C-alpha atoms as a PDB file:
ATOM      1  CA  MET A   1     101.369 110.863 -96.212  1.00  0.00           C
ATOM      2  CA  LYS A   2      99.786 108.165 -94.100  1.00  0.00           C
ATOM      3  CA  PRO A   3      96.686 106.721 -95.739  1.00  0.00           C
ATOM      4  CA  VAL A   4      93.595 105.907 -93.721  1.00  0.00           C
ATOM      5  CA  PHE A   5      91.201 103.248 -95.002  1.00  0.00           C
ATOM      6  CA  ARG A   6      87.464 103.078 -94.439  1.00  0.00           C
ATOM      7  CA  TYR A   7      84.623 101.289 -96.170  1.00  0.00           C
ATOM      8  CA  ALA A   8      83.224 103.154 -99.159  1.00  0.00           C
ATOM      9  CA  LEU A   9      79.692 104.476 -98.970  1.00  0.00           C
ATOM     10  CA  ARG A  10      77.262 104.152-101.849  1.00  0.00           C
ATOM     11  CA  GLU A  11      76.911 107.933-102.088  1.00  0.00           C
ATOM     12  CA  GLU A  12      80.651 108.051-102.871  1.00  0.00           C
ATOM     13  CA  LEU A  13      80.202 105.979-106.022  1.00  0.00           C
ATOM     14  CA  PRO A  14      80.168 109.059-108.318  1.00  0.00           C
ATOM     15  CA  TRP A  15      83.597 110.081-106.961  1.00  0.00           C
ATOM     16  CA  ILE A  16      84.891 106.499-107.293  1.00  0.00           C
ATOM     17  CA  VAL A  17      83.701 106.391-110.910  1.00  0.00           C
ATOM     18  CA  GLU A  18      85.224 109.810-111.606  1.00  0.00           C
ATOM     19  CA  VAL A  19      88.640 108.614-110.414  1.00  0.00           C
ATOM     20  CA  TYR A  20      88.302 105.427-112.455  1.00  0.00           C
ATOM     21  CA  ASN A  21      87.232 107.287-115.581  1.00  0.00           C
ATOM     22  CA  SER A  22      90.201 109.625-115.281  1.00  0.00           C
ATOM     23  CA  ILE A  23      92.506 106.776-116.344  1.00  0.00           C
ATOM     24  CA  VAL A  24      90.460 105.244-119.177  1.00  0.00           C
ATOM     25  CA  ALA A  25      91.831 107.474-121.960  1.00  0.00           C
ATOM     26  CA  GLY A  26      95.458 106.784-120.965  1.00  0.00           C
ATOM     27  CA  ARG A  27      95.164 103.111-121.989  1.00  0.00           C
ATOM     28  CA  MET A  28      97.614 102.083-119.252  1.00  0.00           C
ATOM     29  CA  VAL A  29      95.434 100.729-116.477  1.00  0.00           C
ATOM     30  CA  THR A  30      92.102  99.381-117.676  1.00  0.00           C
ATOM     31  CA  ALA A  31      90.732  97.519-120.657  1.00  0.00           C
ATOM     32  CA  ASP A  32      87.665  99.754-120.640  1.00  0.00           C
ATOM     33  CA  THR A  33      87.837 101.883-123.757  1.00  0.00           C
ATOM     34  CA  ASP A  34      85.088 104.340-122.805  1.00  0.00           C
ATOM     35  CA  PRO A  35      84.204 105.949-119.482  1.00  0.00           C
ATOM     36  CA  VAL A  36      81.808 103.955-117.321  1.00  0.00           C
ATOM     37  CA  THR A  37      78.625 105.280-115.753  1.00  0.00           C
ATOM     38  CA  VAL A  38      77.722 105.357-112.096  1.00  0.00           C
ATOM     39  CA  GLU A  39      74.664 103.239-112.871  1.00  0.00           C
ATOM     40  CA  SER A  40      76.775 100.573-114.579  1.00  0.00           C
ATOM     41  CA  ARG A  41      79.003 100.298-111.493  1.00  0.00           C
ATOM     42  CA  ILE A  42      76.209  99.758-108.950  1.00  0.00           C
ATOM     43  CA  PRO A  43      76.304  95.918-109.260  1.00  0.00           C
ATOM     44  CA  TRP A  44      80.117  96.033-108.919  1.00  0.00           C
ATOM     45  CA  PHE A  45      79.805  98.214-105.815  1.00  0.00           C
ATOM     46  CA  ASP A  46      77.128  95.938-104.319  1.00  0.00           C
ATOM     47  CA  ALA A  47      79.277  92.823-104.926  1.00  0.00           C
ATOM     48  CA  HIS A  48      81.782  94.040-102.333  1.00  0.00           C
ATOM     49  CA  ASN A  49      81.364  92.696 -98.820  1.00  0.00           C
ATOM     50  CA  GLN A  50      83.262  92.224 -95.553  1.00  0.00           C
ATOM     51  CA  LYS A  51      85.759  89.779 -97.091  1.00  0.00           C
ATOM     52  CA  HIS A  52      86.005  91.601-100.417  1.00  0.00           C
ATOM     53  CA  PRO A  53      85.692  95.251 -99.444  1.00  0.00           C
ATOM     54  CA  LEU A  54      85.821  98.495-101.310  1.00  0.00           C
ATOM     55  CA  TRP A  55      87.809 100.976 -99.237  1.00  0.00           C
ATOM     56  CA  MET A  56      88.153 104.684 -99.594  1.00  0.00           C
ATOM     57  CA  VAL A  57      91.681 105.950 -99.041  1.00  0.00           C
ATOM     58  CA  GLU A  58      91.988 109.261 -97.231  1.00  0.00           C
ATOM     59  CA  VAL A  59      94.888 111.483 -96.279  1.00  0.00           C
ATOM     60  CA  ASP A  60      94.274 114.284 -93.790  1.00  0.00           C
ATOM     61  CA  GLY A  61      90.533 113.580 -93.963  1.00  0.00           C
ATOM     62  CA  GLU A  62      90.330 114.000 -97.749  1.00  0.00           C
ATOM     63  CA  PRO A  63      89.694 111.189-100.259  1.00  0.00           C
ATOM     64  CA  VAL A  64      92.731 110.459-102.413  1.00  0.00           C
ATOM     65  CA  GLY A  65      91.734 107.127-103.941  1.00  0.00           C
ATOM     66  CA  TRP A  66      90.112 103.776-103.461  1.00  0.00           C
ATOM     67  CA  VAL A  67      91.096 100.120-103.151  1.00  0.00           C
ATOM     68  CA  SER A  68      88.994  97.150-104.132  1.00  0.00           C
ATOM     69  CA  LEU A  69      89.350  93.484-103.268  1.00  0.00           C
ATOM     70  CA  GLN A  70      87.307  91.381-105.625  1.00  0.00           C
ATOM     71  CA  LYS A  71      86.524  87.711-105.742  1.00  0.00           C
ATOM     72  CA  PHE A  72      88.750  85.767-108.073  1.00  0.00           C
ATOM     73  CA  TYR A  73      86.955  83.580-110.575  1.00  0.00           C
ATOM     74  CA  GLY A  74      83.734  83.392-108.559  1.00  0.00           C
ATOM     75  CA  ARG A  75      83.944  79.810-107.310  1.00  0.00           C
ATOM     76  CA  PRO A  76      84.063  78.879-103.599  1.00  0.00           C
ATOM     77  CA  ALA A  77      87.468  77.162-103.654  1.00  0.00           C
ATOM     78  CA  TYR A  78      89.022  80.459-104.749  1.00  0.00           C
ATOM     79  CA  ASP A  79      87.706  82.395-101.715  1.00  0.00           C
ATOM     80  CA  ILE A  80      91.261  82.505-100.334  1.00  0.00           C
ATOM     81  CA  THR A  81      92.328  84.589-103.335  1.00  0.00           C
ATOM     82  CA  ALA A  82      91.384  88.162-104.201  1.00  0.00           C
ATOM     83  CA  GLU A  83      92.170  90.566-107.005  1.00  0.00           C
ATOM     84  CA  ILE A  84      93.358  93.947-105.768  1.00  0.00           C
ATOM     85  CA  SER A  85      92.736  97.198-107.621  1.00  0.00           C
ATOM     86  CA  ILE A  86      94.144 100.547-106.543  1.00  0.00           C
ATOM     87  CA  TYR A  87      93.065 103.835-108.069  1.00  0.00           C
ATOM     88  CA  LEU A  88      94.412 107.171-106.929  1.00  0.00           C
ATOM     89  CA  HIS A  89      93.050 110.596-107.771  1.00  0.00           C
ATOM     90  CA  GLU A  90      95.122 112.168-110.539  1.00  0.00           C
ATOM     91  CA  SER A  91      96.404 114.861-108.149  1.00  0.00           C
ATOM     92  CA  CYS A  92      97.945 112.125-105.966  1.00  0.00           C
ATOM     93  CA  ARG A  93      99.581 109.926-108.600  1.00  0.00           C
ATOM     94  CA  GLY A  94     103.359 109.804-108.683  1.00  0.00           C
ATOM     95  CA  ARG A  95     103.695 111.245-105.181  1.00  0.00           C
ATOM     96  CA  GLY A  96     104.775 108.104-103.334  1.00  0.00           C
ATOM     97  CA  LEU A  97     101.324 107.162-102.077  1.00  0.00           C
ATOM     98  CA  GLY A  98     101.024 103.884-103.986  1.00  0.00           C
ATOM     99  CA  MET A  99     103.388 101.873-101.783  1.00  0.00           C
ATOM    100  CA  PRO A 100     101.858 102.774 -98.401  1.00  0.00           C
ATOM    101  CA  VAL A 101      98.389 102.151 -99.858  1.00  0.00           C
ATOM    102  CA  LEU A 102      99.425  98.765-101.241  1.00  0.00           C
ATOM    103  CA  GLN A 103     101.213  97.750 -98.015  1.00  0.00           C
ATOM    104  CA  HIS A 104      98.210  98.727 -95.912  1.00  0.00           C
ATOM    105  CA  ALA A 105      95.887  96.796 -98.232  1.00  0.00           C
ATOM    106  CA  ILE A 106      98.152  93.746 -97.912  1.00  0.00           C
ATOM    107  CA  ALA A 107      97.977  93.963 -94.104  1.00  0.00           C
ATOM    108  CA  LEU A 108      94.197  94.334 -94.160  1.00  0.00           C
ATOM    109  CA  SER A 109      93.937  91.408 -96.580  1.00  0.00           C
ATOM    110  CA  ALA A 110      95.812  89.229 -94.094  1.00  0.00           C
ATOM    111  CA  GLU A 111      93.280  90.176 -91.413  1.00  0.00           C
ATOM    112  CA  LEU A 112      90.463  89.126 -93.784  1.00  0.00           C
ATOM    113  CA  GLY A 113      91.957  85.682 -94.309  1.00  0.00           C
ATOM    114  CA  ILE A 114      93.029  86.350 -97.871  1.00  0.00           C
ATOM    115  CA  GLU A 115      95.921  84.007 -98.653  1.00  0.00           C
ATOM    116  CA  ASN A 116      96.730  85.223-102.163  1.00  0.00           C
ATOM    117  CA  LEU A 117      96.518  88.691-103.665  1.00  0.00           C
ATOM    118  CA  LEU A 118      96.532  89.136-107.421  1.00  0.00           C
ATOM    119  CA  GLY A 119      97.227  92.278-109.387  1.00  0.00           C
ATOM    120  CA  PHE A 120      96.228  92.323-113.049  1.00  0.00           C
ATOM    121  CA  VAL A 121      98.583  94.806-114.738  1.00  0.00           C
ATOM    122  CA  PHE A 122      99.190  95.620-118.382  1.00  0.00           C
ATOM    123  CA  ALA A 123     102.820  94.819-119.226  1.00  0.00           C
ATOM    124  CA  HIS A 124     103.310  98.346-120.621  1.00  0.00           C
ATOM    125  CA  ASN A 125     102.215  99.903-117.304  1.00  0.00           C
ATOM    126  CA  ILE A 126     105.754 100.069-115.947  1.00  0.00           C
ATOM    127  CA  PRO A 127     104.957 102.234-112.870  1.00  0.00           C
ATOM    128  CA  SER A 128     102.331  99.750-111.620  1.00  0.00           C
ATOM    129  CA  MET A 129     104.544  96.772-112.455  1.00  0.00           C
ATOM    130  CA  LYS A 130     107.375  98.270-110.392  1.00  0.00           C
ATOM    131  CA  LEU A 131     105.037  99.136-107.507  1.00  0.00           C
ATOM    132  CA  PHE A 132     103.742  95.585-107.188  1.00  0.00           C
ATOM    133  CA  GLU A 133     107.206  94.074-107.608  1.00  0.00           C
ATOM    134  CA  ARG A 134     108.641  96.343-104.883  1.00  0.00           C
ATOM    135  CA  ALA A 135     105.833  95.123-102.600  1.00  0.00           C
ATOM    136  CA  GLY A 136     106.948  91.523-103.117  1.00  0.00           C
ATOM    137  CA  PHE A 137     104.522  90.459-105.830  1.00  0.00           C
ATOM    138  CA  GLU A 138     105.877  87.949-108.333  1.00  0.00           C
ATOM    139  CA  HIS A 139     104.970  87.242-111.951  1.00  0.00           C
ATOM    140  CA  TRP A 140     102.467  84.402-111.818  1.00  0.00           C
ATOM    141  CA  ALA A 141     101.155  84.608-115.385  1.00  0.00           C
ATOM    142  CA  ASN A 142     101.841  86.318-118.681  1.00  0.00           C
ATOM    143  CA  MET A 143      98.978  86.640-121.117  1.00  0.00           C
ATOM    144  CA  PRO A 144     100.562  87.996-124.307  1.00  0.00           C
ATOM    145  CA  GLY A 145      98.463  90.112-126.659  1.00  0.00           C
ATOM    146  CA  ILE A 146      95.263  89.471-124.736  1.00  0.00           C
ATOM    147  CA  ALA A 147      93.850  92.988-125.237  1.00  0.00           C
ATOM    148  CA  LEU A 148      93.496  95.213-128.281  1.00  0.00           C
ATOM    149  CA  LEU A 149      93.632  98.899-127.364  1.00  0.00           C
ATOM    150  CA  ASP A 150      93.501 101.434-130.177  1.00  0.00           C
ATOM    151  CA  GLY A 151      94.894  98.927-132.653  1.00  0.00           C
ATOM    152  CA  GLU A 152      97.749  97.776-130.390  1.00  0.00           C
ATOM    153  CA  TYR A 153      97.891  94.357-128.818  1.00  0.00           C
ATOM    154  CA  ARG A 154      98.611  94.593-125.110  1.00  0.00           C
ATOM    155  CA  SER A 155      99.808  91.896-122.740  1.00  0.00           C
ATOM    156  CA  LEU A 156      98.483  91.331-119.254  1.00  0.00           C
ATOM    157  CA  ILE A 157     100.706  90.248-116.386  1.00  0.00           C
ATOM    158  CA  ILE A 158      99.167  88.643-113.331  1.00  0.00           C
ATOM    159  CA  LEU A 159     101.270  89.472-110.306  1.00  0.00           C
ATOM    160  CA  GLY A 160     100.700  87.409-107.173  1.00  0.00           C
ATOM    161  CA  LYS A 161     101.664  87.520-103.535  1.00  0.00           C
ATOM    162  CA  LYS A 162     101.165  84.901-100.831  1.00  0.00           C
ATOM    163  CA  ILE A 163      99.645  86.625 -97.795  1.00  0.00           C
ATOM    164  CA  ASN A 164      98.367  84.058 -95.278  1.00  0.00           C
ATOM    165  CA  SER A 165      99.635  80.677 -96.201  1.00  0.00           C
ATOM    166  CA  ILE A 166     101.454  77.726 -94.733  1.00  0.00           C
ATOM    167  CA  LEU A 167     103.072  77.115 -98.143  1.00  0.00           C
END
């Protein structure tokens, strides 16, 4: 499966939200505890731009997921750093698509001048932790017990990767 990336269109936001909402109940990927609405995600969608895009991921002309690069911390000095989020349709999870999607996103990030990519992953989300680690991301921060999901404290790991850097 070779993924193809293209910029997301606003009319695809319901599908994007549907894929996102499909993981909320599992308590593995997001700190949202209830499904989000399309209307609530419009400002998030509109915040994406050429340097911080929202891409649709397609295989054989069909959408299989989406990838988002978001500004980190919102201050100009951090423009060289982006947070990456990858969400695959439930029918495509666990089928080996995560690595080619992540590698392609890394390559596209380099073209955008992103020097650092960050993945925010719950420590109990072992599949995502392994995916990012296999792609060369390192543990840059551990935030123990930062989230409370259904009465359980959950830790957040920030995984980082240098992309374009002289360091």
